[in-house]
Amino acid sequence: MVAEKGRCNIGTDQAVPRGTATAKTKTARTPSRAAGLRGTCWQAWEAHQTRKDTQVQFEQAQRRADREVEQARKDARDSVDIQTKLADRSAEQAKRSADAATVSNKIAVDAMRQGQRPWIGPDIKMPVVTGPLIIDERGMISTNYQMTAVNYGSYGANNINFWAQLYVAQDITTIWDRAKYACSMATQNPTMGRIMFPGQERLMTNSWPAVAMDVIRNTRATPPQKEFQVYLLTCIAYRDQFSTPHHTGTIFRSVRPNAGETIMFDLSPKQAIPVEWREWHSFLD
């Protein structure tokens, strides 16, 4: 232990500073001098030990503080993670609640509109009246038709239009899709059409031509077919008080008057074929 620029030998009778002669070469120090030196060295050792203990305690305290800071950071991160997860759960629950409310509201609105809308359909007593099926000298196929419609709903209807098309076919698999097309054409112009109050009947005042839109051949038939059938696609298109378009479509097949037998014919020009119409398929939206 260093004290007073020398080395102290604590616990011996003497303490000999570095750089001085030994007792053999020089006069030994007096007992009081040796005792004072030992006291000084002891104090120096205690001071050094105190500094060492203080340094150890400081390092321990620093390590504890570092651990506490790290734990606090970890706790803060964990707390943020928990709060984030809770916020995400709350947001997800809020979204599910909002979605459920949206669906419920849509169901309620749809139910209200279904209950408070017109329902226009053909008069079951006389849904459609036509003249004969005409094939003119150019091979054009047409018939004149009239329709009677009834408002079966409890609210008035706007923009009522009648629409009809003829399809001459051997292959009838595409007739349903073509009927949807006929109805889409009937609501293209929302500024045209008539109105109809609840329970009111509406007869088309003039007969109107329904022209053959297509001749649908059965290309898979062997041998090739020569005869055709004819279908009348009708549509009543209208809008409710919310301006939502609706359609009532009917597909009629041609039969011989007073017989019910399906009419089969070739495409020879200059023909006038008496015809009645039987409902084959219907749809509404």
C-alpha atoms as a PDB file:
ATOM      1  CA  MET A   1       0.000   0.000   0.000  1.00  0.00           C
ATOM      2  CA  VAL A   2       1.463   3.369  -0.999  1.00  0.00           C
ATOM      3  CA  ALA A   3       1.613   6.059   1.652  1.00  0.00           C
ATOM      4  CA  GLU A   4       3.776   9.198   1.807  1.00  0.00           C
ATOM      5  CA  LYS A   5       5.619   8.212  -1.403  1.00  0.00           C
ATOM      6  CA  GLY A   6       6.712   4.900   0.146  1.00  0.00           C
ATOM      7  CA  ARG A   7       5.580   1.320   0.614  1.00  0.00           C
ATOM      8  CA  CYS A   8       3.992   0.476   3.997  1.00  0.00           C
ATOM      9  CA  ASN A   9       4.371  -2.935   5.549  1.00  0.00           C
ATOM     10  CA  ILE A  10       1.280  -3.080   7.716  1.00  0.00           C
ATOM     11  CA  GLY A  11       1.575  -5.493  10.670  1.00  0.00           C
ATOM     12  CA  THR A  12       5.459  -5.333  11.062  1.00  0.00           C
ATOM     13  CA  ASP A  13       7.461  -3.453  13.621  1.00  0.00           C
ATOM     14  CA  GLN A  14       8.713  -1.008  11.067  1.00  0.00           C
ATOM     15  CA  ALA A  15       7.749   0.566   7.833  1.00  0.00           C
ATOM     16  CA  VAL A  16      10.624   1.346   5.517  1.00  0.00           C
ATOM     17  CA  PRO A  17       9.969   3.919   2.812  1.00  0.00           C
ATOM     18  CA  ARG A  18      11.265   3.161  -0.689  1.00  0.00           C
ATOM     19  CA  GLY A  19      14.619   4.722  -1.483  1.00  0.00           C
ATOM     20  CA  THR A  20      15.951   4.817   2.093  1.00  0.00           C
ATOM     21  CA  ALA A  21      18.744   2.799   3.670  1.00  0.00           C
ATOM     22  CA  THR A  22      18.069  -0.211   5.823  1.00  0.00           C
ATOM     23  CA  ALA A  23      18.600  -0.374   9.582  1.00  0.00           C
ATOM     24  CA  LYS A  24      22.098  -1.828   8.992  1.00  0.00           C
ATOM     25  CA  THR A  25      23.358   1.228   7.146  1.00  0.00           C
ATOM     26  CA  LYS A  26      21.490   3.961   8.904  1.00  0.00           C
ATOM     27  CA  THR A  27      20.191   4.673  12.288  1.00  0.00           C
ATOM     28  CA  ALA A  28      16.833   3.000  12.884  1.00  0.00           C
ATOM     29  CA  ARG A  29      13.811   5.169  13.254  1.00  0.00           C
ATOM     30  CA  THR A  30      12.499   5.797  16.657  1.00  0.00           C
ATOM     31  CA  PRO A  31       9.539   3.766  17.935  1.00  0.00           C
ATOM     32  CA  SER A  32       7.241   6.801  17.864  1.00  0.00           C
ATOM     33  CA  ARG A  33       8.224   7.512  14.285  1.00  0.00           C
ATOM     34  CA  ALA A  34       7.487   3.907  13.269  1.00  0.00           C
ATOM     35  CA  ALA A  35       4.167   3.970  15.042  1.00  0.00           C
ATOM     36  CA  GLY A  36       3.176   7.163  13.240  1.00  0.00           C
ATOM     37  CA  LEU A  37       4.147   5.689   9.923  1.00  0.00           C
ATOM     38  CA  ARG A  38       2.099   2.569  10.615  1.00  0.00           C
ATOM     39  CA  GLY A  39      -0.902   4.735  11.477  1.00  0.00           C
ATOM     40  CA  THR A  40      -0.517   6.737   8.317  1.00  0.00           C
ATOM     41  CA  CYS A  41      -0.270   3.562   6.205  1.00  0.00           C
ATOM     42  CA  TRP A  42      -3.351   2.093   7.885  1.00  0.00           C
ATOM     43  CA  GLN A  43      -5.317   5.226   7.184  1.00  0.00           C
ATOM     44  CA  ALA A  44      -4.140   5.148   3.602  1.00  0.00           C
ATOM     45  CA  TRP A  45      -5.176   1.488   3.278  1.00  0.00           C
ATOM     46  CA  GLU A  46      -8.585   2.216   4.800  1.00  0.00           C
ATOM     47  CA  ALA A  47      -9.076   5.145   2.435  1.00  0.00           C
ATOM     48  CA  HIS A  48      -8.073   2.982  -0.522  1.00  0.00           C
ATOM     49  CA  GLN A  49     -10.349   0.169   0.631  1.00  0.00           C
ATOM     50  CA  THR A  50     -13.168   2.663   1.100  1.00  0.00           C
ATOM     51  CA  ARG A  51     -12.664   3.933  -2.445  1.00  0.00           C
ATOM     52  CA  LYS A  52     -12.581   0.366  -3.714  1.00  0.00           C
ATOM     53  CA  ASP A  53     -15.791  -0.530  -1.831  1.00  0.00           C
ATOM     54  CA  THR A  54     -17.362   2.683  -3.056  1.00  0.00           C
ATOM     55  CA  GLN A  55     -16.361   1.812  -6.647  1.00  0.00           C
ATOM     56  CA  VAL A  56     -17.832  -1.693  -6.293  1.00  0.00           C
ATOM     57  CA  GLN A  57     -21.028  -0.296  -4.838  1.00  0.00           C
ATOM     58  CA  PHE A  58     -21.204   2.284  -7.620  1.00  0.00           C
ATOM     59  CA  GLU A  59     -20.743  -0.400 -10.278  1.00  0.00           C
ATOM     60  CA  GLN A  60     -23.365  -2.576  -8.625  1.00  0.00           C
ATOM     61  CA  ALA A  61     -25.732   0.386  -8.423  1.00  0.00           C
ATOM     62  CA  GLN A  62     -25.017   1.192 -12.087  1.00  0.00           C
ATOM     63  CA  ARG A  63     -25.749  -2.386 -13.109  1.00  0.00           C
ATOM     64  CA  ARG A  64     -28.969  -2.342 -11.101  1.00  0.00           C
ATOM     65  CA  ALA A  65     -29.933   0.965 -12.693  1.00  0.00           C
ATOM     66  CA  ASP A  66     -29.153  -0.441 -16.165  1.00  0.00           C
ATOM     67  CA  ARG A  67     -31.262  -3.532 -15.433  1.00  0.00           C
ATOM     68  CA  GLU A  68     -34.092  -1.375 -14.150  1.00  0.00           C
ATOM     69  CA  VAL A  69     -33.914   0.869 -17.211  1.00  0.00           C
ATOM     70  CA  GLU A  70     -33.904  -2.158 -19.523  1.00  0.00           C
ATOM     71  CA  GLN A  71     -36.815  -3.692 -17.612  1.00  0.00           C
ATOM     72  CA  ALA A  72     -38.673  -0.397 -17.791  1.00  0.00           C
ATOM     73  CA  ARG A  73     -38.081  -0.276 -21.548  1.00  0.00           C
ATOM     74  CA  LYS A  74     -39.261  -3.877 -21.913  1.00  0.00           C
ATOM     75  CA  ASP A  75     -42.315  -3.157 -19.780  1.00  0.00           C
ATOM     76  CA  ALA A  76     -43.028  -0.082 -21.890  1.00  0.00           C
ATOM     77  CA  ARG A  77     -42.702  -2.103 -25.122  1.00  0.00           C
ATOM     78  CA  ASP A  78     -44.923  -4.838 -23.702  1.00  0.00           C
ATOM     79  CA  SER A  79     -47.435  -2.221 -22.600  1.00  0.00           C
ATOM     80  CA  VAL A  80     -47.421  -0.658 -26.069  1.00  0.00           C
ATOM     81  CA  ASP A  81     -47.870  -4.090 -27.652  1.00  0.00           C
ATOM     82  CA  ILE A  82     -50.764  -4.875 -25.335  1.00  0.00           C
ATOM     83  CA  GLN A  83     -52.367  -1.496 -25.978  1.00  0.00           C
ATOM     84  CA  THR A  84     -51.881  -1.949 -29.722  1.00  0.00           C
ATOM     85  CA  LYS A  85     -53.474  -5.403 -29.640  1.00  0.00           C
ATOM     86  CA  LEU A  86     -56.335  -4.089 -27.537  1.00  0.00           C
ATOM     87  CA  ALA A  87     -56.781  -1.185 -29.958  1.00  0.00           C
ATOM     88  CA  ASP A  88     -56.707  -3.598 -32.909  1.00  0.00           C
ATOM     89  CA  ARG A  89     -59.300  -5.804 -31.236  1.00  0.00           C
ATOM     90  CA  SER A  90     -61.467  -2.806 -30.497  1.00  0.00           C
ATOM     91  CA  ALA A  91     -61.130  -1.610 -34.079  1.00  0.00           C
ATOM     92  CA  GLU A  92     -61.991  -5.086 -35.402  1.00  0.00           C
ATOM     93  CA  GLN A  93     -64.990  -5.331 -33.113  1.00  0.00           C
ATOM     94  CA  ALA A  94     -66.084  -1.852 -34.166  1.00  0.00           C
ATOM     95  CA  LYS A  95     -65.708  -2.847 -37.828  1.00  0.00           C
ATOM     96  CA  ARG A  96     -67.734  -6.027 -37.289  1.00  0.00           C
ATOM     97  CA  SER A  97     -70.390  -4.030 -35.503  1.00  0.00           C
ATOM     98  CA  ALA A  98     -70.425  -1.450 -38.288  1.00  0.00           C
ATOM     99  CA  ASP A  99     -70.621  -4.180 -40.943  1.00  0.00           C
ATOM    100  CA  ALA A 100     -73.447  -5.885 -39.073  1.00  0.00           C
ATOM    101  CA  ALA A 101     -75.252  -2.555 -38.773  1.00  0.00           C
ATOM    102  CA  THR A 102     -74.748  -1.933 -42.505  1.00  0.00           C
ATOM    103  CA  VAL A 103     -76.121  -5.364 -43.384  1.00  0.00           C
ATOM    104  CA  SER A 104     -79.066  -4.908 -41.005  1.00  0.00           C
ATOM    105  CA  ASN A 105     -79.759  -1.482 -42.441  1.00  0.00           C
ATOM    106  CA  LYS A 106     -79.615  -2.828 -45.998  1.00  0.00           C
ATOM    107  CA  ILE A 107     -82.001  -5.657 -45.084  1.00  0.00           C
ATOM    108  CA  ALA A 108     -84.368  -3.159 -43.479  1.00  0.00           C
ATOM    109  CA  VAL A 109     -84.176  -0.824 -46.482  1.00  0.00           C
ATOM    110  CA  ASP A 110     -84.687  -3.690 -48.921  1.00  0.00           C
ATOM    111  CA  ALA A 111     -87.641  -4.984 -46.905  1.00  0.00           C
ATOM    112  CA  MET A 112     -89.135  -1.492 -46.806  1.00  0.00           C
ATOM    113  CA  ARG A 113     -88.692  -1.052 -50.542  1.00  0.00           C
ATOM    114  CA  GLN A 114     -90.096  -4.496 -51.314  1.00  0.00           C
ATOM    115  CA  GLY A 115     -93.126  -3.732 -49.179  1.00  0.00           C
ATOM    116  CA  GLN A 116     -93.577  -0.228 -50.565  1.00  0.00           C
ATOM    117  CA  ARG A 117     -93.131  -0.680 -54.289  1.00  0.00           C
ATOM    118  CA  PRO A 118     -95.325  -1.335 -57.330  1.00  0.00           C
ATOM    119  CA  TRP A 119     -95.563  -4.789 -58.846  1.00  0.00           C
ATOM    120  CA  ILE A 120     -96.488  -4.584 -62.522  1.00  0.00           C
ATOM    121  CA  GLY A 121     -97.359  -7.771 -64.383  1.00  0.00           C
ATOM    122  CA  PRO A 122     -99.422  -8.976 -67.321  1.00  0.00           C
ATOM    123  CA  ASP A 123    -103.166  -9.338 -66.848  1.00  0.00           C
ATOM    124  CA  ILE A 124    -103.718 -13.045 -66.277  1.00  0.00           C
ATOM    125  CA  LYS A 125    -107.047 -12.858 -68.149  1.00  0.00           C
ATOM    126  CA  MET A 126    -105.452 -11.544 -71.346  1.00  0.00           C
ATOM    127  CA  PRO A 127    -101.662 -11.255 -71.070  1.00  0.00           C
ATOM    128  CA  VAL A 128    -100.866 -10.754 -74.746  1.00  0.00           C
ATOM    129  CA  VAL A 129    -102.796 -10.560 -78.010  1.00  0.00           C
ATOM    130  CA  THR A 130    -101.168 -10.776 -81.422  1.00  0.00           C
ATOM    131  CA  GLY A 131    -102.036 -11.024 -85.033  1.00  0.00           C
ATOM    132  CA  PRO A 132    -100.802 -13.823 -87.276  1.00  0.00           C
ATOM    133  CA  LEU A 133     -97.141 -14.605 -87.661  1.00  0.00           C
ATOM    134  CA  ILE A 134     -96.058 -12.930 -90.916  1.00  0.00           C
ATOM    135  CA  ILE A 135     -93.151 -13.924 -93.146  1.00  0.00           C
ATOM    136  CA  ASP A 136     -93.021 -11.333 -95.887  1.00  0.00           C
ATOM    137  CA  GLU A 137     -91.572 -11.569 -99.386  1.00  0.00           C
ATOM    138  CA  ARG A 138     -88.127 -10.582 -98.069  1.00  0.00           C
ATOM    139  CA  GLY A 139     -88.190 -13.285 -95.392  1.00  0.00           C
ATOM    140  CA  MET A 140     -88.714 -10.819 -92.511  1.00  0.00           C
ATOM    141  CA  ILE A 141     -90.681 -12.377 -89.639  1.00  0.00           C
ATOM    142  CA  SER A 142     -92.941 -10.277 -87.393  1.00  0.00           C
ATOM    143  CA  THR A 143     -96.258 -10.101 -85.563  1.00  0.00           C
ATOM    144  CA  ASN A 144     -98.274  -7.249 -84.081  1.00  0.00           C
ATOM    145  CA  TYR A 145     -98.901  -7.501 -80.341  1.00  0.00           C
ATOM    146  CA  GLN A 146    -100.884  -5.796 -77.588  1.00  0.00           C
ATOM    147  CA  MET A 147    -100.398  -6.246 -73.833  1.00  0.00           C
ATOM    148  CA  THR A 148    -102.551  -5.536 -70.802  1.00  0.00           C
ATOM    149  CA  ALA A 149    -100.733  -4.893 -67.523  1.00  0.00           C
ATOM    150  CA  VAL A 150    -101.961  -4.545 -63.933  1.00  0.00           C
ATOM    151  CA  ASN A 151    -100.335  -2.852 -60.944  1.00  0.00           C
ATOM    152  CA  TYR A 152    -100.618  -5.523 -58.261  1.00  0.00           C
ATOM    153  CA  GLY A 153     -98.692  -3.438 -55.724  1.00  0.00           C
ATOM    154  CA  SER A 154     -99.768  -0.701 -53.313  1.00  0.00           C
ATOM    155  CA  TYR A 155     -97.667   2.114 -54.788  1.00  0.00           C
ATOM    156  CA  GLY A 156     -97.623   3.862 -58.124  1.00  0.00           C
ATOM    157  CA  ALA A 157     -95.162   3.048 -60.909  1.00  0.00           C
ATOM    158  CA  ASN A 158     -93.323   5.375 -63.293  1.00  0.00           C
ATOM    159  CA  ASN A 159     -91.731   5.043 -66.725  1.00  0.00           C
ATOM    160  CA  ILE A 160     -93.765   1.985 -67.712  1.00  0.00           C
ATOM    161  CA  ASN A 161     -92.685   0.570 -71.058  1.00  0.00           C
ATOM    162  CA  PHE A 162     -93.781  -2.526 -72.964  1.00  0.00           C
ATOM    163  CA  TRP A 163     -91.229  -4.424 -74.975  1.00  0.00           C
ATOM    164  CA  ALA A 164     -91.428  -7.563 -77.115  1.00  0.00           C
ATOM    165  CA  GLN A 165     -89.130  -9.490 -79.435  1.00  0.00           C
ATOM    166  CA  LEU A 166     -89.533 -12.564 -81.577  1.00  0.00           C
ATOM    167  CA  TYR A 167     -86.939 -15.334 -81.698  1.00  0.00           C
ATOM    168  CA  VAL A 168     -87.161 -18.009 -84.348  1.00  0.00           C
ATOM    169  CA  ALA A 169     -85.247 -21.015 -83.096  1.00  0.00           C
ATOM    170  CA  GLN A 170     -84.252 -24.605 -83.525  1.00  0.00           C
ATOM    171  CA  ASP A 171     -81.905 -24.410 -80.516  1.00  0.00           C
ATOM    172  CA  ILE A 172     -83.789 -22.962 -77.519  1.00  0.00           C
ATOM    173  CA  THR A 173     -80.970 -23.141 -74.926  1.00  0.00           C
ATOM    174  CA  THR A 174     -80.162 -19.405 -75.210  1.00  0.00           C
ATOM    175  CA  ILE A 175     -83.751 -18.122 -75.002  1.00  0.00           C
ATOM    176  CA  TRP A 176     -83.543 -17.274 -71.270  1.00  0.00           C
ATOM    177  CA  ASP A 177     -80.454 -15.084 -71.718  1.00  0.00           C
ATOM    178  CA  ARG A 178     -82.087 -13.312 -74.628  1.00  0.00           C
ATOM    179  CA  ALA A 179     -85.159 -12.581 -72.503  1.00  0.00           C
ATOM    180  CA  LYS A 180     -82.940 -10.786 -69.952  1.00  0.00           C
ATOM    181  CA  TYR A 181     -81.497  -8.741 -72.804  1.00  0.00           C
ATOM    182  CA  ALA A 182     -84.992  -7.807 -73.985  1.00  0.00           C
ATOM    183  CA  CYS A 183     -85.816  -6.479 -70.521  1.00  0.00           C
ATOM    184  CA  SER A 184     -82.564  -4.524 -70.226  1.00  0.00           C
ATOM    185  CA  MET A 185     -83.467  -2.733 -73.455  1.00  0.00           C
ATOM    186  CA  ALA A 186     -86.861  -1.762 -72.004  1.00  0.00           C
ATOM    187  CA  THR A 187     -85.369   0.433 -69.223  1.00  0.00           C
ATOM    188  CA  GLN A 188     -82.650   2.219 -71.139  1.00  0.00           C
ATOM    189  CA  ASN A 189     -84.474   5.558 -71.192  1.00  0.00           C
ATOM    190  CA  PRO A 190     -85.713   6.637 -67.720  1.00  0.00           C
ATOM    191  CA  THR A 191     -87.476   9.717 -69.123  1.00  0.00           C
ATOM    192  CA  MET A 192     -90.015   7.800 -71.209  1.00  0.00           C
ATOM    193  CA  GLY A 193     -93.034   5.709 -70.304  1.00  0.00           C
ATOM    194  CA  ARG A 194     -96.370   5.887 -68.582  1.00  0.00           C
ATOM    195  CA  ILE A 195     -97.550   5.879 -64.982  1.00  0.00           C
ATOM    196  CA  MET A 196     -99.846   3.396 -63.293  1.00  0.00           C
ATOM    197  CA  PHE A 197    -101.602   3.691 -59.950  1.00  0.00           C
ATOM    198  CA  PRO A 198    -102.273   0.792 -57.570  1.00  0.00           C
ATOM    199  CA  GLY A 199    -104.882  -1.597 -58.940  1.00  0.00           C
ATOM    200  CA  GLN A 200    -104.995   0.177 -62.294  1.00  0.00           C
ATOM    201  CA  GLU A 201    -104.983  -1.715 -65.594  1.00  0.00           C
ATOM    202  CA  ARG A 202    -103.169  -0.410 -68.605  1.00  0.00           C
ATOM    203  CA  LEU A 203    -103.794  -1.572 -72.164  1.00  0.00           C
ATOM    204  CA  MET A 204    -101.413  -0.653 -74.932  1.00  0.00           C
ATOM    205  CA  THR A 205    -103.586   1.633 -77.064  1.00  0.00           C
ATOM    206  CA  ASN A 206    -102.064   0.543 -80.351  1.00  0.00           C
ATOM    207  CA  SER A 207    -100.743  -2.778 -81.524  1.00  0.00           C
ATOM    208  CA  TRP A 208     -97.000  -2.731 -81.952  1.00  0.00           C
ATOM    209  CA  PRO A 209     -94.759  -4.850 -84.152  1.00  0.00           C
ATOM    210  CA  ALA A 210     -92.554  -7.505 -82.599  1.00  0.00           C
ATOM    211  CA  VAL A 211     -89.823  -8.324 -85.097  1.00  0.00           C
ATOM    212  CA  ALA A 212     -87.685 -11.468 -85.198  1.00  0.00           C
ATOM    213  CA  MET A 213     -84.349 -10.447 -83.677  1.00  0.00           C
ATOM    214  CA  ASP A 214     -82.512 -13.625 -84.602  1.00  0.00           C
ATOM    215  CA  VAL A 215     -82.860 -17.013 -86.246  1.00  0.00           C
ATOM    216  CA  ILE A 216     -81.175 -19.547 -83.960  1.00  0.00           C
ATOM    217  CA  ARG A 217     -80.203 -22.698 -85.841  1.00  0.00           C
ATOM    218  CA  ASN A 218     -79.288 -26.017 -84.296  1.00  0.00           C
ATOM    219  CA  THR A 219     -75.867 -26.531 -85.818  1.00  0.00           C
ATOM    220  CA  ARG A 220     -75.397 -29.867 -84.041  1.00  0.00           C
ATOM    221  CA  ALA A 221     -78.409 -31.558 -85.662  1.00  0.00           C
ATOM    222  CA  THR A 222     -77.776 -34.404 -88.081  1.00  0.00           C
ATOM    223  CA  PRO A 223     -79.327 -34.252 -90.602  1.00  0.00           C
ATOM    224  CA  PRO A 224     -79.874 -30.472 -90.518  1.00  0.00           C
ATOM    225  CA  GLN A 225     -83.289 -29.394 -89.282  1.00  0.00           C
ATOM    226  CA  LYS A 226     -85.615 -27.578 -91.681  1.00  0.00           C
ATOM    227  CA  GLU A 227     -88.421 -26.482 -89.358  1.00  0.00           C
ATOM    228  CA  PHE A 228     -88.401 -23.823 -86.657  1.00  0.00           C
ATOM    229  CA  GLN A 229     -90.371 -22.730 -83.613  1.00  0.00           C
ATOM    230  CA  VAL A 230     -91.050 -19.123 -82.666  1.00  0.00           C
ATOM    231  CA  TYR A 231     -90.948 -17.569 -79.186  1.00  0.00           C
ATOM    232  CA  LEU A 232     -92.320 -14.209 -78.096  1.00  0.00           C
ATOM    233  CA  LEU A 233     -90.240 -12.513 -75.388  1.00  0.00           C
ATOM    234  CA  THR A 234     -92.197  -9.785 -73.615  1.00  0.00           C
ATOM    235  CA  CYS A 235     -91.133  -7.398 -70.900  1.00  0.00           C
ATOM    236  CA  ILE A 236     -92.928  -4.805 -68.787  1.00  0.00           C
ATOM    237  CA  ALA A 237     -90.340  -2.387 -67.484  1.00  0.00           C
ATOM    238  CA  TYR A 238     -90.995   0.302 -64.873  1.00  0.00           C
ATOM    239  CA  ARG A 239     -89.454   2.263 -62.019  1.00  0.00           C
ATOM    240  CA  ASP A 240     -90.570   2.626 -58.424  1.00  0.00           C
ATOM    241  CA  GLN A 241     -90.713   5.813 -56.322  1.00  0.00           C
ATOM    242  CA  PHE A 242     -86.979   5.429 -55.598  1.00  0.00           C
ATOM    243  CA  SER A 243     -86.228   5.374 -59.365  1.00  0.00           C
ATOM    244  CA  THR A 244     -85.097   1.747 -59.116  1.00  0.00           C
ATOM    245  CA  PRO A 245     -85.791  -0.144 -62.368  1.00  0.00           C
ATOM    246  CA  HIS A 246     -87.861  -3.334 -62.283  1.00  0.00           C
ATOM    247  CA  HIS A 247     -88.879  -5.852 -64.917  1.00  0.00           C
ATOM    248  CA  THR A 248     -91.513  -8.512 -65.398  1.00  0.00           C
ATOM    249  CA  GLY A 249     -90.549 -10.762 -68.269  1.00  0.00           C
ATOM    250  CA  THR A 250     -92.488 -13.566 -69.923  1.00  0.00           C
ATOM    251  CA  ILE A 251     -91.491 -16.020 -72.631  1.00  0.00           C
ATOM    252  CA  PHE A 252     -94.399 -17.322 -74.709  1.00  0.00           C
ATOM    253  CA  ARG A 253     -94.201 -20.273 -77.079  1.00  0.00           C
ATOM    254  CA  SER A 254     -96.327 -20.403 -80.217  1.00  0.00           C
ATOM    255  CA  VAL A 255     -99.145 -22.914 -80.553  1.00  0.00           C
ATOM    256  CA  ARG A 256    -101.892 -23.493 -83.084  1.00  0.00           C
ATOM    257  CA  PRO A 257    -105.147 -21.723 -82.178  1.00  0.00           C
ATOM    258  CA  ASN A 258    -107.616 -23.865 -80.262  1.00  0.00           C
ATOM    259  CA  ALA A 259    -105.242 -26.838 -80.389  1.00  0.00           C
ATOM    260  CA  GLY A 260    -102.278 -26.195 -78.107  1.00  0.00           C
ATOM    261  CA  GLU A 261     -99.948 -27.950 -80.518  1.00  0.00           C
ATOM    262  CA  THR A 262     -96.543 -26.295 -80.985  1.00  0.00           C
ATOM    263  CA  ILE A 263     -96.257 -24.618 -84.368  1.00  0.00           C
ATOM    264  CA  MET A 264     -93.409 -25.877 -86.546  1.00  0.00           C
ATOM    265  CA  PHE A 265     -92.765 -24.076 -89.843  1.00  0.00           C
ATOM    266  CA  ASP A 266     -90.127 -23.482 -92.466  1.00  0.00           C
ATOM    267  CA  LEU A 267     -88.850 -20.076 -93.520  1.00  0.00           C
ATOM    268  CA  SER A 268     -90.606 -19.859 -96.883  1.00  0.00           C
ATOM    269  CA  PRO A 269     -91.563 -16.243 -97.659  1.00  0.00           C
ATOM    270  CA  LYS A 270     -95.078 -14.926 -98.023  1.00  0.00           C
ATOM    271  CA  GLN A 271     -96.669 -16.822 -95.133  1.00  0.00           C
ATOM    272  CA  ALA A 272     -99.316 -15.748 -92.622  1.00  0.00           C
ATOM    273  CA  ILE A 273     -99.501 -18.316 -89.805  1.00  0.00           C
ATOM    274  CA  PRO A 274    -102.349 -18.055 -87.233  1.00  0.00           C
ATOM    275  CA  VAL A 275    -100.864 -18.298 -83.746  1.00  0.00           C
ATOM    276  CA  GLU A 276    -101.733 -18.315 -80.070  1.00  0.00           C
ATOM    277  CA  TRP A 277     -99.240 -17.837 -77.251  1.00  0.00           C
ATOM    278  CA  ARG A 278     -98.837 -20.018 -74.171  1.00  0.00           C
ATOM    279  CA  GLU A 279     -96.721 -18.878 -71.244  1.00  0.00           C
ATOM    280  CA  TRP A 280     -93.550 -20.926 -71.087  1.00  0.00           C
ATOM    281  CA  HIS A 281     -91.344 -19.092 -68.589  1.00  0.00           C
ATOM    282  CA  SER A 282     -91.553 -15.871 -66.560  1.00  0.00           C
ATOM    283  CA  PHE A 283     -89.355 -13.872 -64.179  1.00  0.00           C
ATOM    284  CA  LEU A 284     -89.351 -10.580 -62.278  1.00  0.00           C
ATOM    285  CA  ASP A 285     -86.982  -8.348 -60.328  1.00  0.00           C
END
